[in-house]
């Protein structure tokens, strides 16, 4: 199994967030990280998450997400994303 990053553009509402999270939980996907952020469009938010799954399962996930009414667009991070870490450093 590999780590895959997927980005989903959704209508901005708590119901949209809960529908996406509910789908991931119902289908039993192993979520490693999850971020919701604003976009330039005040009516939309971008949800970016990392899941561990097989490649064919990622295609199924994408199809299931696109069936949700609140989802505007989906992207998988094949080659266009990079992993990074965050560190909090205090200097005296």
N, C-alpha and C. Protein backbone atom coordinates (compact mmCIF):
# COMPACT_ATOMS: atom_id res chain seq x y z
N UNK A 1 0.85 -1.18 0.00
CA UNK A 1 0.00 0.00 0.00
C UNK A 1 0.89 1.24 0.00
N UNK A 2 0.42 2.26 -0.68
CA UNK A 2 1.16 3.51 -0.79
C UNK A 2 0.37 4.66 -0.19
N UNK A 3 1.10 5.72 0.10
CA UNK A 3 0.48 6.94 0.61
C UNK A 3 0.08 7.79 -0.59
N UNK A 4 -1.16 8.23 -0.62
CA UNK A 4 -1.69 9.07 -1.70
C UNK A 4 -2.27 10.34 -1.09
N UNK A 5 -2.09 11.45 -1.79
CA UNK A 5 -2.66 12.73 -1.36
C UNK A 5 -3.76 13.11 -2.33
N UNK A 6 -4.91 13.49 -1.79
CA UNK A 6 -6.03 13.90 -2.62
C UNK A 6 -6.53 15.26 -2.15
N UNK A 7 -6.93 16.08 -3.09
CA UNK A 7 -7.44 17.41 -2.81
C UNK A 7 -8.85 17.51 -3.38
N UNK A 8 -9.78 18.00 -2.57
CA UNK A 8 -11.18 18.08 -2.96
C UNK A 8 -11.67 19.51 -2.75
N UNK A 9 -12.19 20.12 -3.80
CA UNK A 9 -12.78 21.45 -3.71
C UNK A 9 -14.27 21.27 -3.43
N UNK A 10 -14.76 21.84 -2.32
CA UNK A 10 -16.16 21.67 -1.92
C UNK A 10 -16.81 23.02 -1.63
N UNK A 11 -18.12 23.02 -1.63
CA UNK A 11 -18.86 24.21 -1.20
C UNK A 11 -18.55 24.45 0.27
N UNK A 12 -18.41 25.70 0.67
CA UNK A 12 -18.03 26.02 2.04
C UNK A 12 -19.24 25.90 2.96
N UNK A 13 -19.27 24.80 3.68
CA UNK A 13 -20.29 24.61 4.73
C UNK A 13 -19.85 23.44 5.60
N UNK A 14 -20.28 23.45 6.84
CA UNK A 14 -19.91 22.34 7.73
C UNK A 14 -20.53 21.04 7.26
N UNK A 15 -21.66 21.10 6.59
CA UNK A 15 -22.29 19.90 6.06
C UNK A 15 -21.41 19.26 4.98
N UNK A 16 -20.78 20.08 4.14
CA UNK A 16 -19.88 19.56 3.11
C UNK A 16 -18.71 18.82 3.75
N UNK A 17 -18.10 19.43 4.78
CA UNK A 17 -16.97 18.82 5.45
C UNK A 17 -17.38 17.49 6.07
N UNK A 18 -18.53 17.48 6.69
CA UNK A 18 -19.00 16.26 7.35
C UNK A 18 -19.33 15.17 6.36
N UNK A 19 -19.82 15.52 5.18
CA UNK A 19 -20.11 14.51 4.16
C UNK A 19 -18.84 13.85 3.65
N UNK A 20 -17.80 14.65 3.41
CA UNK A 20 -16.53 14.09 2.94
C UNK A 20 -15.92 13.21 4.03
N UNK A 21 -15.85 13.71 5.27
CA UNK A 21 -15.31 12.91 6.37
C UNK A 21 -16.14 11.66 6.61
N UNK A 22 -17.46 11.78 6.51
CA UNK A 22 -18.34 10.63 6.69
C UNK A 22 -18.08 9.55 5.65
N UNK A 23 -17.87 9.95 4.41
CA UNK A 23 -17.58 8.99 3.34
C UNK A 23 -16.28 8.25 3.64
N UNK A 24 -15.24 9.00 4.03
CA UNK A 24 -13.95 8.38 4.33
C UNK A 24 -14.07 7.41 5.50
N UNK A 25 -14.83 7.79 6.52
CA UNK A 25 -14.99 6.93 7.70
C UNK A 25 -15.83 5.70 7.37
N UNK A 26 -16.92 5.88 6.64
CA UNK A 26 -17.81 4.76 6.28
C UNK A 26 -17.09 3.70 5.46
N UNK A 27 -16.25 4.14 4.55
CA UNK A 27 -15.55 3.21 3.66
C UNK A 27 -14.29 2.64 4.29
N UNK A 28 -13.91 3.14 5.46
CA UNK A 28 -12.78 2.59 6.21
C UNK A 28 -11.41 2.97 5.68
N UNK A 29 -11.28 4.13 5.05
CA UNK A 29 -9.97 4.58 4.56
C UNK A 29 -9.10 4.99 5.74
N UNK A 30 -7.82 4.70 5.64
CA UNK A 30 -6.86 5.05 6.68
C UNK A 30 -6.33 6.45 6.39
N UNK A 31 -6.84 7.45 7.11
CA UNK A 31 -6.47 8.84 6.89
C UNK A 31 -5.23 9.17 7.72
N UNK A 32 -4.17 9.64 7.06
CA UNK A 32 -2.95 10.02 7.76
C UNK A 32 -2.95 11.49 8.15
N UNK A 33 -3.47 12.35 7.29
CA UNK A 33 -3.54 13.78 7.61
C UNK A 33 -4.75 14.37 6.89
N UNK A 34 -5.22 15.49 7.41
CA UNK A 34 -6.45 16.10 6.90
C UNK A 34 -6.37 17.60 7.14
N UNK A 35 -6.55 18.40 6.08
CA UNK A 35 -6.47 19.86 6.21
C UNK A 35 -7.64 20.49 5.45
N UNK A 36 -8.29 21.46 6.05
CA UNK A 36 -9.31 22.25 5.37
C UNK A 36 -8.80 23.68 5.31
N UNK A 37 -8.79 24.26 4.11
CA UNK A 37 -8.29 25.63 3.98
C UNK A 37 -9.17 26.45 3.06
N UNK A 38 -9.06 27.76 3.20
CA UNK A 38 -9.82 28.69 2.36
C UNK A 38 -9.26 28.72 0.95
N UNK A 39 -10.09 29.18 0.02
CA UNK A 39 -9.65 29.39 -1.36
C UNK A 39 -9.90 30.85 -1.71
N UNK A 40 -9.54 31.24 -2.91
CA UNK A 40 -9.81 32.61 -3.35
C UNK A 40 -11.31 32.85 -3.51
N UNK A 41 -12.05 31.79 -3.78
CA UNK A 41 -13.50 31.86 -3.91
C UNK A 41 -14.12 31.78 -2.51
N UNK A 42 -14.85 32.81 -2.06
CA UNK A 42 -15.42 32.78 -0.72
C UNK A 42 -16.51 31.73 -0.53
N UNK A 43 -16.97 31.13 -1.62
CA UNK A 43 -18.02 30.12 -1.55
C UNK A 43 -17.48 28.70 -1.49
N UNK A 44 -16.14 28.53 -1.55
CA UNK A 44 -15.55 27.19 -1.61
C UNK A 44 -14.39 27.04 -0.64
N UNK A 45 -14.15 25.79 -0.24
CA UNK A 45 -13.00 25.44 0.60
C UNK A 45 -12.31 24.25 -0.04
N UNK A 46 -11.01 24.09 0.27
CA UNK A 46 -10.27 22.95 -0.26
C UNK A 46 -9.92 22.02 0.89
N UNK A 47 -10.28 20.76 0.74
CA UNK A 47 -9.93 19.72 1.71
C UNK A 47 -8.80 18.90 1.10
N UNK A 48 -7.68 18.82 1.80
CA UNK A 48 -6.55 18.02 1.33
C UNK A 48 -6.28 16.96 2.38
N UNK A 49 -6.18 15.71 1.95
CA UNK A 49 -5.93 14.63 2.90
C UNK A 49 -5.01 13.59 2.29
N UNK A 50 -4.32 12.86 3.18
CA UNK A 50 -3.44 11.77 2.77
C UNK A 50 -4.05 10.47 3.26
N UNK A 51 -4.13 9.48 2.39
CA UNK A 51 -4.65 8.17 2.73
C UNK A 51 -3.65 7.10 2.32
N UNK A 52 -3.67 5.99 3.03
CA UNK A 52 -2.86 4.84 2.66
C UNK A 52 -3.80 3.82 2.03
N UNK A 53 -3.57 3.52 0.74
CA UNK A 53 -4.42 2.57 0.04
C UNK A 53 -3.74 2.11 -1.24
N UNK A 54 -4.34 1.15 -1.90
CA UNK A 54 -3.87 0.68 -3.20
C UNK A 54 -4.27 1.69 -4.26
N UNK A 55 -3.60 1.67 -5.41
CA UNK A 55 -3.89 2.62 -6.49
C UNK A 55 -5.31 2.49 -7.03
N UNK A 56 -5.80 1.26 -7.18
CA UNK A 56 -7.16 1.08 -7.71
C UNK A 56 -8.21 1.59 -6.72
N UNK A 57 -7.91 1.50 -5.43
CA UNK A 57 -8.83 1.99 -4.41
C UNK A 57 -8.93 3.51 -4.48
N UNK A 58 -7.83 4.17 -4.83
CA UNK A 58 -7.83 5.63 -4.97
C UNK A 58 -8.81 6.06 -6.06
N UNK A 59 -8.84 5.33 -7.15
CA UNK A 59 -9.80 5.62 -8.22
C UNK A 59 -11.23 5.47 -7.75
N UNK A 60 -11.50 4.44 -6.95
CA UNK A 60 -12.84 4.25 -6.38
C UNK A 60 -13.20 5.42 -5.46
N UNK A 61 -12.24 5.82 -4.62
CA UNK A 61 -12.48 6.94 -3.71
C UNK A 61 -12.82 8.20 -4.49
N UNK A 62 -12.07 8.46 -5.54
CA UNK A 62 -12.31 9.66 -6.36
C UNK A 62 -13.73 9.62 -6.95
N UNK A 63 -14.15 8.48 -7.48
CA UNK A 63 -15.49 8.35 -8.04
C UNK A 63 -16.57 8.56 -6.97
N UNK A 64 -16.35 8.02 -5.77
CA UNK A 64 -17.32 8.19 -4.70
C UNK A 64 -17.42 9.64 -4.26
N UNK A 65 -16.28 10.34 -4.17
CA UNK A 65 -16.29 11.75 -3.79
C UNK A 65 -17.00 12.60 -4.84
N UNK A 66 -16.78 12.31 -6.12
CA UNK A 66 -17.40 13.10 -7.18
C UNK A 66 -18.91 12.94 -7.22
N UNK A 67 -19.43 11.87 -6.61
CA UNK A 67 -20.88 11.67 -6.55
C UNK A 67 -21.55 12.55 -5.49
N UNK A 68 -20.77 13.06 -4.54
CA UNK A 68 -21.34 13.92 -3.51
C UNK A 68 -21.74 15.26 -4.12
N UNK A 69 -22.90 15.77 -3.75
CA UNK A 69 -23.43 16.99 -4.34
C UNK A 69 -22.58 18.22 -4.03
N UNK A 70 -21.93 18.24 -2.88
CA UNK A 70 -21.15 19.41 -2.45
C UNK A 70 -19.77 19.49 -3.10
N UNK A 71 -19.31 18.42 -3.73
CA UNK A 71 -17.97 18.38 -4.31
C UNK A 71 -17.96 19.06 -5.66
N UNK A 72 -17.05 20.03 -5.82
CA UNK A 72 -16.91 20.77 -7.07
C UNK A 72 -15.85 20.12 -7.96
N UNK A 73 -14.73 19.68 -7.35
CA UNK A 73 -13.61 19.14 -8.13
C UNK A 73 -12.75 18.25 -7.24
N UNK A 74 -12.16 17.21 -7.82
CA UNK A 74 -11.21 16.37 -7.09
C UNK A 74 -9.90 16.29 -7.87
N UNK A 75 -8.79 16.20 -7.13
CA UNK A 75 -7.46 16.04 -7.72
C UNK A 75 -6.69 15.05 -6.88
N UNK A 76 -5.96 14.15 -7.52
CA UNK A 76 -5.05 13.31 -6.76
C UNK A 76 -3.64 13.85 -6.96
N UNK A 77 -2.82 13.72 -5.96
CA UNK A 77 -1.49 14.33 -5.99
C UNK A 77 -0.44 13.50 -6.68
N UNK A 78 -0.75 12.88 -7.79
CA UNK A 78 0.22 12.07 -8.52
C UNK A 78 1.26 12.98 -9.14
N UNK A 79 2.40 13.12 -8.51
CA UNK A 79 3.50 13.89 -9.06
C UNK A 79 3.40 15.39 -8.85
N UNK A 80 2.23 15.92 -8.50
CA UNK A 80 2.10 17.37 -8.37
C UNK A 80 2.14 17.83 -6.92
N UNK A 81 2.37 16.92 -6.00
CA UNK A 81 2.41 17.34 -4.61
C UNK A 81 3.74 16.94 -4.00
N UNK A 82 4.03 17.53 -2.87
CA UNK A 82 5.25 17.16 -2.18
C UNK A 82 4.93 17.07 -0.71
N UNK A 83 5.59 16.18 -0.04
CA UNK A 83 5.41 16.00 1.39
C UNK A 83 6.39 16.89 2.13
N UNK A 84 5.95 17.45 3.22
CA UNK A 84 6.85 18.26 4.01
C UNK A 84 6.50 18.13 5.48
N UNK A 85 7.42 18.47 6.29
CA UNK A 85 7.18 18.44 7.73
C UNK A 85 7.20 19.86 8.27
N UNK A 86 6.67 20.01 9.46
CA UNK A 86 6.63 21.32 10.10
C UNK A 86 7.36 21.21 11.43
N UNK A 87 8.18 22.19 11.73
CA UNK A 87 8.91 22.20 13.00
C UNK A 87 8.69 23.55 13.68
N UNK A 88 8.53 23.52 14.97
CA UNK A 88 8.41 24.75 15.76
C UNK A 88 9.72 24.92 16.49
N UNK A 89 10.43 26.00 16.20
CA UNK A 89 11.74 26.24 16.77
C UNK A 89 11.71 27.55 17.54
N UNK A 90 12.27 27.54 18.74
CA UNK A 90 12.36 28.74 19.55
C UNK A 90 13.83 29.10 19.71
N UNK A 91 14.18 30.31 19.36
CA UNK A 91 15.58 30.76 19.48
C UNK A 91 15.66 31.77 20.61
N UNK A 92 16.72 31.69 21.40
CA UNK A 92 16.90 32.61 22.50
C UNK A 92 18.09 33.48 22.26
